[in-house]
């Protein structure tokens, strides 16, 4: 199967994003995305503790110099954890993130 044929399985999704005050409802902040980033609300809602929010960098990210902490281990047992962005805005020009410890930061 070629890469071109796989593109048909990537479906755009309309996301109701928060504004810089963490409010939903202003349509100017909505986006149609083909790459999915979780919101602060979604990550907070299903993650009871910070270790559930930890993620590992992809091989592609590592090959391109992604920051990672090799001492960390995800709950799925993968060694090495990294920061990742959320789609929620923490201010007009910044997004929320999950750090290597799995804590939410603005």
PDB file of N, CA and C in Angstrom:
ATOM      1  N   UNK A   1       0.848  -1.173   0.000  1.00  0.00           N
ATOM      2  CA  UNK A   1       0.000   0.000   0.000  1.00  0.00           C
ATOM      3  C   UNK A   1       0.892   1.234   0.000  1.00  0.00           C
ATOM      4  N   UNK A   2       0.686   2.152  -0.897  1.00  0.00           N
ATOM      5  CA  UNK A   2       1.513   3.351  -0.976  1.00  0.00           C
ATOM      6  C   UNK A   2       1.030   4.407   0.004  1.00  0.00           C
ATOM      7  N   UNK A   3       1.916   5.363   0.301  1.00  0.00           N
ATOM      8  CA  UNK A   3       1.559   6.462   1.199  1.00  0.00           C
ATOM      9  C   UNK A   3       0.373   7.256   0.662  1.00  0.00           C
ATOM     10  N   UNK A   4       0.277   7.394  -0.644  1.00  0.00           N
ATOM     11  CA  UNK A   4      -0.807   8.175  -1.239  1.00  0.00           C
ATOM     12  C   UNK A   4      -2.153   7.543  -0.916  1.00  0.00           C
ATOM     13  N   UNK A   5      -2.262   6.226  -0.972  1.00  0.00           N
ATOM     14  CA  UNK A   5      -3.539   5.579  -0.706  1.00  0.00           C
ATOM     15  C   UNK A   5      -3.937   5.668   0.770  1.00  0.00           C
ATOM     16  N   UNK A   6      -2.969   5.825   1.677  1.00  0.00           N
ATOM     17  CA  UNK A   6      -3.281   5.945   3.096  1.00  0.00           C
ATOM     18  C   UNK A   6      -3.901   7.298   3.434  1.00  0.00           C
ATOM     19  N   UNK A   7      -3.670   8.301   2.611  1.00  0.00           N
ATOM     20  CA  UNK A   7      -4.195   9.639   2.885  1.00  0.00           C
ATOM     21  C   UNK A   7      -5.710   9.667   2.961  1.00  0.00           C
ATOM     22  N   UNK A   8      -6.377   8.772   2.260  1.00  0.00           N
ATOM     23  CA  UNK A   8      -7.842   8.773   2.270  1.00  0.00           C
ATOM     24  C   UNK A   8      -8.413   8.385   3.638  1.00  0.00           C
ATOM     25  N   UNK A   9      -7.580   7.787   4.499  1.00  0.00           N
ATOM     26  CA  UNK A   9      -8.035   7.398   5.824  1.00  0.00           C
ATOM     27  C   UNK A   9      -7.861   8.518   6.860  1.00  0.00           C
ATOM     28  N   UNK A  10      -7.199   9.599   6.477  1.00  0.00           N
ATOM     29  CA  UNK A  10      -7.014  10.740   7.377  1.00  0.00           C
ATOM     30  C   UNK A  10      -8.181  11.682   7.164  1.00  0.00           C
ATOM     31  N   UNK A  11      -9.052  11.763   8.151  1.00  0.00           N
ATOM     32  CA  UNK A  11     -10.259  12.566   8.026  1.00  0.00           C
ATOM     33  C   UNK A  11     -10.140  13.862   8.822  1.00  0.00           C
ATOM     34  N   UNK A  12     -10.489  14.986   8.204  1.00  0.00           N
ATOM     35  CA  UNK A  12     -10.490  16.253   8.946  1.00  0.00           C
ATOM     36  C   UNK A  12     -11.554  16.220  10.047  1.00  0.00           C
ATOM     37  N   UNK A  13     -11.241  16.829  11.181  1.00  0.00           N
ATOM     38  CA  UNK A  13     -12.138  16.859  12.326  1.00  0.00           C
ATOM     39  C   UNK A  13     -12.329  18.309  12.761  1.00  0.00           C
ATOM     40  N   UNK A  14     -13.587  18.730  12.941  1.00  0.00           N
ATOM     41  CA  UNK A  14     -13.870  20.069  13.451  1.00  0.00           C
ATOM     42  C   UNK A  14     -13.724  20.045  14.970  1.00  0.00           C
ATOM     43  N   UNK A  15     -12.866  20.914  15.487  1.00  0.00           N
ATOM     44  CA  UNK A  15     -12.613  20.978  16.922  1.00  0.00           C
ATOM     45  C   UNK A  15     -13.086  22.305  17.486  1.00  0.00           C
ATOM     46  N   UNK A  16     -13.786  22.234  18.603  1.00  0.00           N
ATOM     47  CA  UNK A  16     -14.229  23.441  19.314  1.00  0.00           C
ATOM     48  C   UNK A  16     -13.130  23.784  20.322  1.00  0.00           C
ATOM     49  N   UNK A  17     -12.267  24.718  19.952  1.00  0.00           N
ATOM     50  CA  UNK A  17     -11.119  25.080  20.781  1.00  0.00           C
ATOM     51  C   UNK A  17     -11.465  26.170  21.781  1.00  0.00           C
ATOM     52  N   UNK A  18     -10.652  26.238  22.830  1.00  0.00           N
ATOM     53  CA  UNK A  18     -10.821  27.291  23.819  1.00  0.00           C
ATOM     54  C   UNK A  18     -10.076  28.540  23.391  1.00  0.00           C
ATOM     55  N   UNK A  19     -10.538  29.685  23.890  1.00  0.00           N
ATOM     56  CA  UNK A  19      -9.815  30.930  23.649  1.00  0.00           C
ATOM     57  C   UNK A  19      -8.778  31.117  24.758  1.00  0.00           C
ATOM     58  N   UNK A  20      -8.117  32.273  24.781  1.00  0.00           N
ATOM     59  CA  UNK A  20      -7.060  32.491  25.778  1.00  0.00           C
ATOM     60  C   UNK A  20      -7.579  32.516  27.216  1.00  0.00           C
ATOM     61  N   UNK A  21      -8.896  32.606  27.406  1.00  0.00           N
ATOM     62  CA  UNK A  21      -9.498  32.568  28.742  1.00  0.00           C
ATOM     63  C   UNK A  21     -10.077  31.192  29.074  1.00  0.00           C
ATOM     64  N   UNK A  22      -9.742  30.196  28.273  1.00  0.00           N
ATOM     65  CA  UNK A  22     -10.206  28.817  28.447  1.00  0.00           C
ATOM     66  C   UNK A  22     -11.716  28.675  28.241  1.00  0.00           C
ATOM     67  N   UNK A  23     -12.322  29.588  27.474  1.00  0.00           N
ATOM     68  CA  UNK A  23     -13.747  29.527  27.165  1.00  0.00           C
ATOM     69  C   UNK A  23     -13.974  28.914  25.798  1.00  0.00           C
ATOM     70  N   UNK A  24     -15.009  28.105  25.690  1.00  0.00           N
ATOM     71  CA  UNK A  24     -15.401  27.509  24.420  1.00  0.00           C
ATOM     72  C   UNK A  24     -16.628  28.262  23.919  1.00  0.00           C
ATOM     73  N   UNK A  25     -16.787  28.346  22.614  1.00  0.00           N
ATOM     74  CA  UNK A  25     -17.995  28.955  22.075  1.00  0.00           C
ATOM     75  C   UNK A  25     -17.729  30.038  21.056  1.00  0.00           C
ATOM     76  N   UNK A  26     -16.540  30.610  21.066  1.00  0.00           N
ATOM     77  CA  UNK A  26     -16.204  31.608  20.066  1.00  0.00           C
ATOM     78  C   UNK A  26     -15.733  30.864  18.816  1.00  0.00           C
ATOM     79  N   UNK A  27     -16.547  30.881  17.782  1.00  0.00           N
ATOM     80  CA  UNK A  27     -16.265  30.087  16.587  1.00  0.00           C
ATOM     81  C   UNK A  27     -14.969  30.471  15.890  1.00  0.00           C
ATOM     82  N   UNK A  28     -14.453  31.685  16.131  1.00  0.00           N
ATOM     83  CA  UNK A  28     -13.210  32.076  15.456  1.00  0.00           C
ATOM     84  C   UNK A  28     -12.025  31.235  15.931  1.00  0.00           C
ATOM     85  N   UNK A  29     -12.156  30.560  17.077  1.00  0.00           N
ATOM     86  CA  UNK A  29     -11.080  29.709  17.585  1.00  0.00           C
ATOM     87  C   UNK A  29     -11.229  28.256  17.142  1.00  0.00           C
ATOM     88  N   UNK A  30     -12.350  27.910  16.522  1.00  0.00           N
ATOM     89  CA  UNK A  30     -12.545  26.545  16.032  1.00  0.00           C
ATOM     90  C   UNK A  30     -11.643  26.285  14.840  1.00  0.00           C
ATOM     91  N   UNK A  31     -11.181  25.058  14.713  1.00  0.00           N
ATOM     92  CA  UNK A  31     -10.327  24.672  13.591  1.00  0.00           C
ATOM     93  C   UNK A  31     -10.782  23.334  13.025  1.00  0.00           C
ATOM     94  N   UNK A  32     -10.453  23.104  11.782  1.00  0.00           N
ATOM     95  CA  UNK A  32     -10.629  21.794  11.172  1.00  0.00           C
ATOM     96  C   UNK A  32      -9.231  21.221  11.014  1.00  0.00           C
ATOM     97  N   UNK A  33      -8.953  20.162  11.756  1.00  0.00           N
ATOM     98  CA  UNK A  33      -7.602  19.609  11.829  1.00  0.00           C
ATOM     99  C   UNK A  33      -7.532  18.190  11.283  1.00  0.00           C
ATOM    100  N   UNK A  34      -6.354  17.845  10.776  1.00  0.00           N
ATOM    101  CA  UNK A  34      -6.094  16.453  10.416  1.00  0.00           C
ATOM    102  C   UNK A  34      -5.044  15.853  11.353  1.00  0.00           C
ATOM    103  N   UNK A  35      -4.472  16.681  12.195  1.00  0.00           N
ATOM    104  CA  UNK A  35      -3.590  16.223  13.265  1.00  0.00           C
ATOM    105  C   UNK A  35      -4.309  16.545  14.559  1.00  0.00           C
ATOM    106  N   UNK A  36      -4.451  15.574  15.418  1.00  0.00           N
ATOM    107  CA  UNK A  36      -5.242  15.775  16.628  1.00  0.00           C
ATOM    108  C   UNK A  36      -4.352  16.067  17.822  1.00  0.00           C
ATOM    109  N   UNK A  37      -4.634  17.176  18.498  1.00  0.00           N
ATOM    110  CA  UNK A  37      -4.007  17.507  19.770  1.00  0.00           C
ATOM    111  C   UNK A  37      -5.114  17.566  20.817  1.00  0.00           C
ATOM    112  N   UNK A  38      -4.877  16.968  21.954  1.00  0.00           N
ATOM    113  CA  UNK A  38      -5.879  16.997  23.011  1.00  0.00           C
ATOM    114  C   UNK A  38      -5.951  18.387  23.641  1.00  0.00           C
ATOM    115  N   UNK A  39      -7.071  18.676  24.271  1.00  0.00           N
ATOM    116  CA  UNK A  39      -7.227  19.929  24.992  1.00  0.00           C
ATOM    117  C   UNK A  39      -6.875  19.697  26.464  1.00  0.00           C
ATOM    118  N   UNK A  40      -6.687  20.788  27.193  1.00  0.00           N
ATOM    119  CA  UNK A  40      -6.409  20.692  28.633  1.00  0.00           C
ATOM    120  C   UNK A  40      -7.571  19.998  29.346  1.00  0.00           C
ATOM    121  N   UNK A  41      -8.783  20.330  28.926  1.00  0.00           N
ATOM    122  CA  UNK A  41      -9.978  19.718  29.520  1.00  0.00           C
ATOM    123  C   UNK A  41      -9.989  18.207  29.297  1.00  0.00           C
ATOM    124  N   UNK A  42      -9.667  17.770  28.083  1.00  0.00           N
ATOM    125  CA  UNK A  42      -9.667  16.327  27.785  1.00  0.00           C
ATOM    126  C   UNK A  42      -8.599  15.600  28.590  1.00  0.00           C
ATOM    127  N   UNK A  43      -7.407  16.154  28.659  1.00  0.00           N
ATOM    128  CA  UNK A  43      -6.317  15.511  29.394  1.00  0.00           C
ATOM    129  C   UNK A  43      -6.620  15.464  30.883  1.00  0.00           C
ATOM    130  N   UNK A  44      -7.204  16.529  31.416  1.00  0.00           N
ATOM    131  CA  UNK A  44      -7.550  16.561  32.843  1.00  0.00           C
ATOM    132  C   UNK A  44      -8.675  15.593  33.157  1.00  0.00           C
ATOM    133  N   UNK A  45      -9.605  15.428  32.215  1.00  0.00           N
ATOM    134  CA  UNK A  45     -10.776  14.605  32.445  1.00  0.00           C
ATOM    135  C   UNK A  45     -10.509  13.123  32.524  1.00  0.00           C
ATOM    136  N   UNK A  46      -9.568  12.597  31.755  1.00  0.00           N
ATOM    137  CA  UNK A  46      -9.360  11.153  31.787  1.00  0.00           C
ATOM    138  C   UNK A  46      -8.107  10.733  32.521  1.00  0.00           C
ATOM    139  N   UNK A  47      -7.299  11.671  32.929  1.00  0.00           N
ATOM    140  CA  UNK A  47      -6.037  11.325  33.585  1.00  0.00           C
ATOM    141  C   UNK A  47      -6.125  11.576  35.077  1.00  0.00           C
ATOM    142  N   UNK A  48      -6.169  10.515  35.848  1.00  0.00           N
ATOM    143  CA  UNK A  48      -6.247  10.635  37.296  1.00  0.00           C
ATOM    144  C   UNK A  48      -4.933  11.126  37.895  1.00  0.00           C
ATOM    145  N   UNK A  49      -3.818  10.728  37.294  1.00  0.00           N
ATOM    146  CA  UNK A  49      -2.527  11.185  37.801  1.00  0.00           C
ATOM    147  C   UNK A  49      -1.605  11.535  36.641  1.00  0.00           C
ATOM    148  N   UNK A  50      -0.544  12.219  36.957  1.00  0.00           N
ATOM    149  CA  UNK A  50       0.337  12.747  35.927  1.00  0.00           C
ATOM    150  C   UNK A  50       1.019  11.664  35.091  1.00  0.00           C
ATOM    151  N   UNK A  51       1.281  10.498  35.665  1.00  0.00           N
ATOM    152  CA  UNK A  51       1.965   9.460  34.883  1.00  0.00           C
ATOM    153  C   UNK A  51       1.096   8.961  33.725  1.00  0.00           C
ATOM    154  N   UNK A  52      -0.226   9.110  33.830  1.00  0.00           N
ATOM    155  CA  UNK A  52      -1.106   8.714  32.735  1.00  0.00           C
ATOM    156  C   UNK A  52      -1.003   9.670  31.544  1.00  0.00           C
ATOM    157  N   UNK A  53      -0.473  10.866  31.772  1.00  0.00           N
ATOM    158  CA  UNK A  53      -0.360  11.860  30.702  1.00  0.00           C
ATOM    159  C   UNK A  53       1.006  11.838  30.024  1.00  0.00           C
ATOM    160  N   UNK A  54       1.954  11.066  30.530  1.00  0.00           N
ATOM    161  CA  UNK A  54       3.289  11.035  29.935  1.00  0.00           C
ATOM    162  C   UNK A  54       3.254  10.373  28.563  1.00  0.00           C
ATOM    163  N   UNK A  55       4.036  10.927  27.645  1.00  0.00           N
ATOM    164  CA  UNK A  55       4.142  10.350  26.310  1.00  0.00           C
ATOM    165  C   UNK A  55       5.607  10.232  25.901  1.00  0.00           C
ATOM    166  N   UNK A  56       5.862   9.335  24.985  1.00  0.00           N
ATOM    167  CA  UNK A  56       7.210   9.152  24.442  1.00  0.00           C
ATOM    168  C   UNK A  56       7.299   9.823  23.082  1.00  0.00           C
ATOM    169  N   UNK A  57       8.475  10.362  22.757  1.00  0.00           N
ATOM    170  CA  UNK A  57       8.634  10.942  21.421  1.00  0.00           C
ATOM    171  C   UNK A  57       8.654   9.842  20.363  1.00  0.00           C
ATOM    172  N   UNK A  58       8.207  10.182  19.168  1.00  0.00           N
ATOM    173  CA  UNK A  58       8.263   9.218  18.065  1.00  0.00           C
ATOM    174  C   UNK A  58       9.698   9.080  17.592  1.00  0.00           C
ATOM    175  N   UNK A  59       9.980   8.030  16.844  1.00  0.00           N
ATOM    176  CA  UNK A  59      11.312   7.847  16.263  1.00  0.00           C
ATOM    177  C   UNK A  59      11.665   9.028  15.364  1.00  0.00           C
ATOM    178  N   UNK A  60      10.681   9.524  14.617  1.00  0.00           N
ATOM    179  CA  UNK A  60      10.898  10.670  13.737  1.00  0.00           C
ATOM    180  C   UNK A  60      11.295  11.903  14.555  1.00  0.00           C
ATOM    181  N   UNK A  61      10.586  12.138  15.662  1.00  0.00           N
ATOM    182  CA  UNK A  61      10.904  13.290  16.516  1.00  0.00           C
ATOM    183  C   UNK A  61      12.314  13.168  17.094  1.00  0.00           C
ATOM    184  N   UNK A  62      12.683  11.980  17.550  1.00  0.00           N
ATOM    185  CA  UNK A  62      14.023  11.770  18.095  1.00  0.00           C
ATOM    186  C   UNK A  62      15.098  12.013  17.043  1.00  0.00           C
ATOM    187  N   UNK A  63      14.857  11.539  15.828  1.00  0.00           N
ATOM    188  CA  UNK A  63      15.821  11.729  14.742  1.00  0.00           C
ATOM    189  C   UNK A  63      16.000  13.203  14.380  1.00  0.00           C
ATOM    190  N   UNK A  64      15.004  14.017  14.731  1.00  0.00           N
ATOM    191  CA  UNK A  64      15.064  15.441  14.426  1.00  0.00           C
ATOM    192  C   UNK A  64      15.341  16.288  15.667  1.00  0.00           C
ATOM    193  N   UNK A  65      15.869  15.669  16.704  1.00  0.00           N
ATOM    194  CA  UNK A  65      16.353  16.406  17.865  1.00  0.00           C
ATOM    195  C   UNK A  65      15.333  16.753  18.932  1.00  0.00           C
ATOM    196  N   UNK A  66      14.242  16.012  19.026  1.00  0.00           N
ATOM    197  CA  UNK A  66      13.230  16.305  20.046  1.00  0.00           C
ATOM    198  C   UNK A  66      13.824  16.169  21.445  1.00  0.00           C
ATOM    199  N   UNK A  67      13.443  17.084  22.328  1.00  0.00           N
ATOM    200  CA  UNK A  67      13.852  16.988  23.726  1.00  0.00           C
ATOM    201  C   UNK A  67      13.164  15.776  24.357  1.00  0.00           C
ATOM    202  N   UNK A  68      13.900  15.032  25.140  1.00  0.00           N
ATOM    203  CA  UNK A  68      13.320  13.889  25.840  1.00  0.00           C
ATOM    204  C   UNK A  68      14.133  13.609  27.101  1.00  0.00           C
ATOM    205  N   UNK A  69      13.521  12.926  28.024  1.00  0.00           N
ATOM    206  CA  UNK A  69      14.156  12.537  29.277  1.00  0.00           C
ATOM    207  C   UNK A  69      14.184  11.016  29.316  1.00  0.00           C
ATOM    208  N   UNK A  70      15.378  10.437  29.175  1.00  0.00           N
ATOM    209  CA  UNK A  70      15.510   8.989  29.059  1.00  0.00           C
ATOM    210  C   UNK A  70      15.218   8.241  30.346  1.00  0.00           C
ATOM    211  N   UNK A  71      15.275   8.909  31.490  1.00  0.00           N
ATOM    212  CA  UNK A  71      15.015   8.227  32.759  1.00  0.00           C
ATOM    213  C   UNK A  71      13.534   7.930  32.962  1.00  0.00           C
ATOM    214  N   UNK A  72      12.679   8.671  32.287  1.00  0.00           N
ATOM    215  CA  UNK A  72      11.241   8.464  32.436  1.00  0.00           C
ATOM    216  C   UNK A  72      10.767   7.237  31.675  1.00  0.00           C
ATOM    217  N   UNK A  73       9.736   6.595  32.203  1.00  0.00           N
ATOM    218  CA  UNK A  73       9.129   5.434  31.556  1.00  0.00           C
ATOM    219  C   UNK A  73       7.613   5.627  31.575  1.00  0.00           C
ATOM    220  N   UNK A  74       6.982   5.481  30.419  1.00  0.00           N
ATOM    221  CA  UNK A  74       5.526   5.641  30.357  1.00  0.00           C
ATOM    222  C   UNK A  74       4.837   4.446  31.002  1.00  0.00           C
ATOM    223  N   UNK A  75       3.536   4.572  31.248  1.00  0.00           N
ATOM    224  CA  UNK A  75       2.788   3.464  31.838  1.00  0.00           C
ATOM    225  C   UNK A  75       2.762   2.243  30.933  1.00  0.00           C
ATOM    226  N   UNK A  76       2.959   2.458  29.630  1.00  0.00           N
ATOM    227  CA  UNK A  76       2.990   1.333  28.696  1.00  0.00           C
ATOM    228  C   UNK A  76       4.383   0.710  28.618  1.00  0.00           C
ATOM    229  N   UNK A  77       5.329   1.243  29.420  1.00  0.00           N
ATOM    230  CA  UNK A  77       6.656   0.652  29.500  1.00  0.00           C
ATOM    231  C   UNK A  77       7.674   1.192  28.515  1.00  0.00           C
ATOM    232  N   UNK A  78       7.326   2.205  27.750  1.00  0.00           N
ATOM    233  CA  UNK A  78       8.283   2.763  26.797  1.00  0.00           C
ATOM    234  C   UNK A  78       9.209   3.734  27.522  1.00  0.00           C
ATOM    235  N   UNK A  79      10.507   3.537  27.323  1.00  0.00           N
ATOM    236  CA  UNK A  79      11.488   4.379  28.001  1.00  0.00           C
ATOM    237  C   UNK A  79      11.672   5.685  27.241  1.00  0.00           C
ATOM    238  N   UNK A  80      11.756   6.766  27.990  1.00  0.00           N
ATOM    239  CA  UNK A  80      11.943   8.092  27.412  1.00  0.00           C
ATOM    240  C   UNK A  80      10.622   8.820  27.303  1.00  0.00           C
ATOM    241  N   UNK A  81      10.529   9.986  27.918  1.00  0.00           N
ATOM    242  CA  UNK A  81       9.308  10.785  27.860  1.00  0.00           C
ATOM    243  C   UNK A  81       9.643  12.183  27.349  1.00  0.00           C
ATOM    244  N   UNK A  82       8.640  12.857  26.783  1.00  0.00           N
ATOM    245  CA  UNK A  82       8.868  14.198  26.238  1.00  0.00           C
ATOM    246  C   UNK A  82       7.680  15.099  26.534  1.00  0.00           C
ATOM    247  N   UNK A  83       7.899  16.389  26.375  1.00  0.00           N
ATOM    248  CA  UNK A  83       6.831  17.367  26.480  1.00  0.00           C
ATOM    249  C   UNK A  83       5.910  17.196  25.289  1.00  0.00           C
ATOM    250  N   UNK A  84       4.653  17.566  25.424  1.00  0.00           N
ATOM    251  CA  UNK A  84       3.795  17.644  24.250  1.00  0.00           C
ATOM    252  C   UNK A  84       2.780  18.774  24.414  1.00  0.00           C
ATOM    253  N   UNK A  85       2.437  19.341  23.279  1.00  0.00           N
ATOM    254  CA  UNK A  85       1.524  20.477  23.244  1.00  0.00           C
ATOM    255  C   UNK A  85       0.075  20.026  23.317  1.00  0.00           C
ATOM    256  N   UNK A  86      -0.749  20.887  23.885  1.00  0.00           N
ATOM    257  CA  UNK A  86      -2.190  20.721  23.868  1.00  0.00           C
ATOM    258  C   UNK A  86      -2.777  21.810  22.983  1.00  0.00           C
ATOM    259  N   UNK A  87      -3.992  21.645  22.512  1.00  0.00           N
ATOM    260  CA  UNK A  87      -4.580  22.656  21.643  1.00  0.00           C
ATOM    261  C   UNK A  87      -5.187  23.823  22.410  1.00  0.00           C
ATOM    262  N   UNK A  88      -5.266  23.717  23.740  1.00  0.00           N
ATOM    263  CA  UNK A  88      -5.828  24.777  24.570  1.00  0.00           C
ATOM    264  C   UNK A  88      -4.862  25.957  24.665  1.00  0.00           C
ATOM    265  N   UNK A  89      -5.405  27.149  24.594  1.00  0.00           N
ATOM    266  CA  UNK A  89      -4.591  28.356  24.722  1.00  0.00           C
ATOM    267  C   UNK A  89      -4.455  28.734  26.185  1.00  0.00           C
ATOM    268  N   UNK A  90      -3.231  29.024  26.617  1.00  0.00           N
ATOM    269  CA  UNK A  90      -3.030  29.504  27.983  1.00  0.00           C
ATOM    270  C   UNK A  90      -2.936  31.023  28.005  1.00  0.00           C
ATOM    271  N   UNK A  91      -2.669  31.605  26.855  1.00  0.00           N
ATOM    272  CA  UNK A  91      -2.664  33.053  26.684  1.00  0.00           C
ATOM    273  C   UNK A  91      -2.839  33.319  25.193  1.00  0.00           C
ATOM    274  N   UNK A  92      -2.770  34.560  24.825  1.00  0.00           N
ATOM    275  CA  UNK A  92      -2.994  34.913  23.420  1.00  0.00           C
ATOM    276  C   UNK A  92      -1.974  34.274  22.474  1.00  0.00           C
ATOM    277  N   UNK A  93      -0.751  34.063  22.961  1.00  0.00           N
ATOM    278  CA  UNK A  93       0.298  33.546  22.077  1.00  0.00           C
ATOM    279  C   UNK A  93       0.969  32.264  22.589  1.00  0.00           C
ATOM    280  N   UNK A  94       0.322  31.557  23.515  1.00  0.00           N
ATOM    281  CA  UNK A  94       0.904  30.328  24.062  1.00  0.00           C
ATOM    282  C   UNK A  94      -0.157  29.250  24.193  1.00  0.00           C
ATOM    283  N   UNK A  95       0.288  28.011  24.067  1.00  0.00           N
ATOM    284  CA  UNK A  95      -0.627  26.895  24.293  1.00  0.00           C
ATOM    285  C   UNK A  95      -0.223  26.164  25.571  1.00  0.00           C
ATOM    286  N   UNK A  96      -1.154  25.408  26.115  1.00  0.00           N
ATOM    287  CA  UNK A  96      -0.852  24.587  27.276  1.00  0.00           C
ATOM    288  C   UNK A  96       0.015  23.414  26.833  1.00  0.00           C
ATOM    289  N   UNK A  97       0.755  22.850  27.780  1.00  0.00           N
ATOM    290  CA  UNK A  97       1.624  21.710  27.491  1.00  0.00           C
ATOM    291  C   UNK A  97       1.522  20.691  28.624  1.00  0.00           C
ATOM    292  N   UNK A  98       1.990  19.481  28.333  1.00  0.00           N
ATOM    293  CA  UNK A  98       2.206  18.461  29.352  1.00  0.00           C
ATOM    294  C   UNK A  98       3.709  18.243  29.384  1.00  0.00           C
ATOM    295  N   UNK A  99       4.331  18.408  30.578  1.00  0.00           N
ATOM    296  CA  UNK A  99       5.788  18.286  30.656  1.00  0.00           C
ATOM    297  C   UNK A  99       6.205  16.820  30.822  1.00  0.00           C
ATOM    298  N   UNK A 100       7.522  16.590  30.960  1.00  0.00           N
ATOM    299  CA  UNK A 100       8.032  15.217  31.012  1.00  0.00           C
ATOM    300  C   UNK A 100       7.537  14.452  32.243  1.00  0.00           C
ATOM    301  N   UNK A 101       7.156  15.150  33.291  1.00  0.00           N
ATOM    302  CA  UNK A 101       6.616  14.499  34.486  1.00  0.00           C
ATOM    303  C   UNK A 101       5.142  14.196  34.346  1.00  0.00           C
ATOM    304  N   UNK A 102       4.509  14.704  33.255  1.00  0.00           N
ATOM    305  CA  UNK A 102       3.083  14.504  33.036  1.00  0.00           C
ATOM    306  C   UNK A 102       2.224  15.580  33.664  1.00  0.00           C
ATOM    307  N   UNK A 103       2.867  16.642  34.162  1.00  0.00           N
ATOM    308  CA  UNK A 103       2.122  17.750  34.766  1.00  0.00           C
ATOM    309  C   UNK A 103       1.655  18.720  33.694  1.00  0.00           C
ATOM    310  N   UNK A 104       0.494  19.355  33.928  1.00  0.00           N
ATOM    311  CA  UNK A 104      -0.037  20.361  33.007  1.00  0.00           C
ATOM    312  C   UNK A 104       0.617  21.700  33.305  1.00  0.00           C
ATOM    313  N   UNK A 105       1.098  22.365  32.257  1.00  0.00           N
ATOM    314  CA  UNK A 105       1.702  23.680  32.388  1.00  0.00           C
ATOM    315  C   UNK A 105       1.099  24.642  31.387  1.00  0.00           C
ATOM    316  N   UNK A 106       1.036  25.894  31.775  1.00  0.00           N
ATOM    317  CA  UNK A 106       0.556  26.933  30.857  1.00  0.00           C
ATOM    318  C   UNK A 106       1.742  27.694  30.292  1.00  0.00           C
TER     319      UNK A 106
END
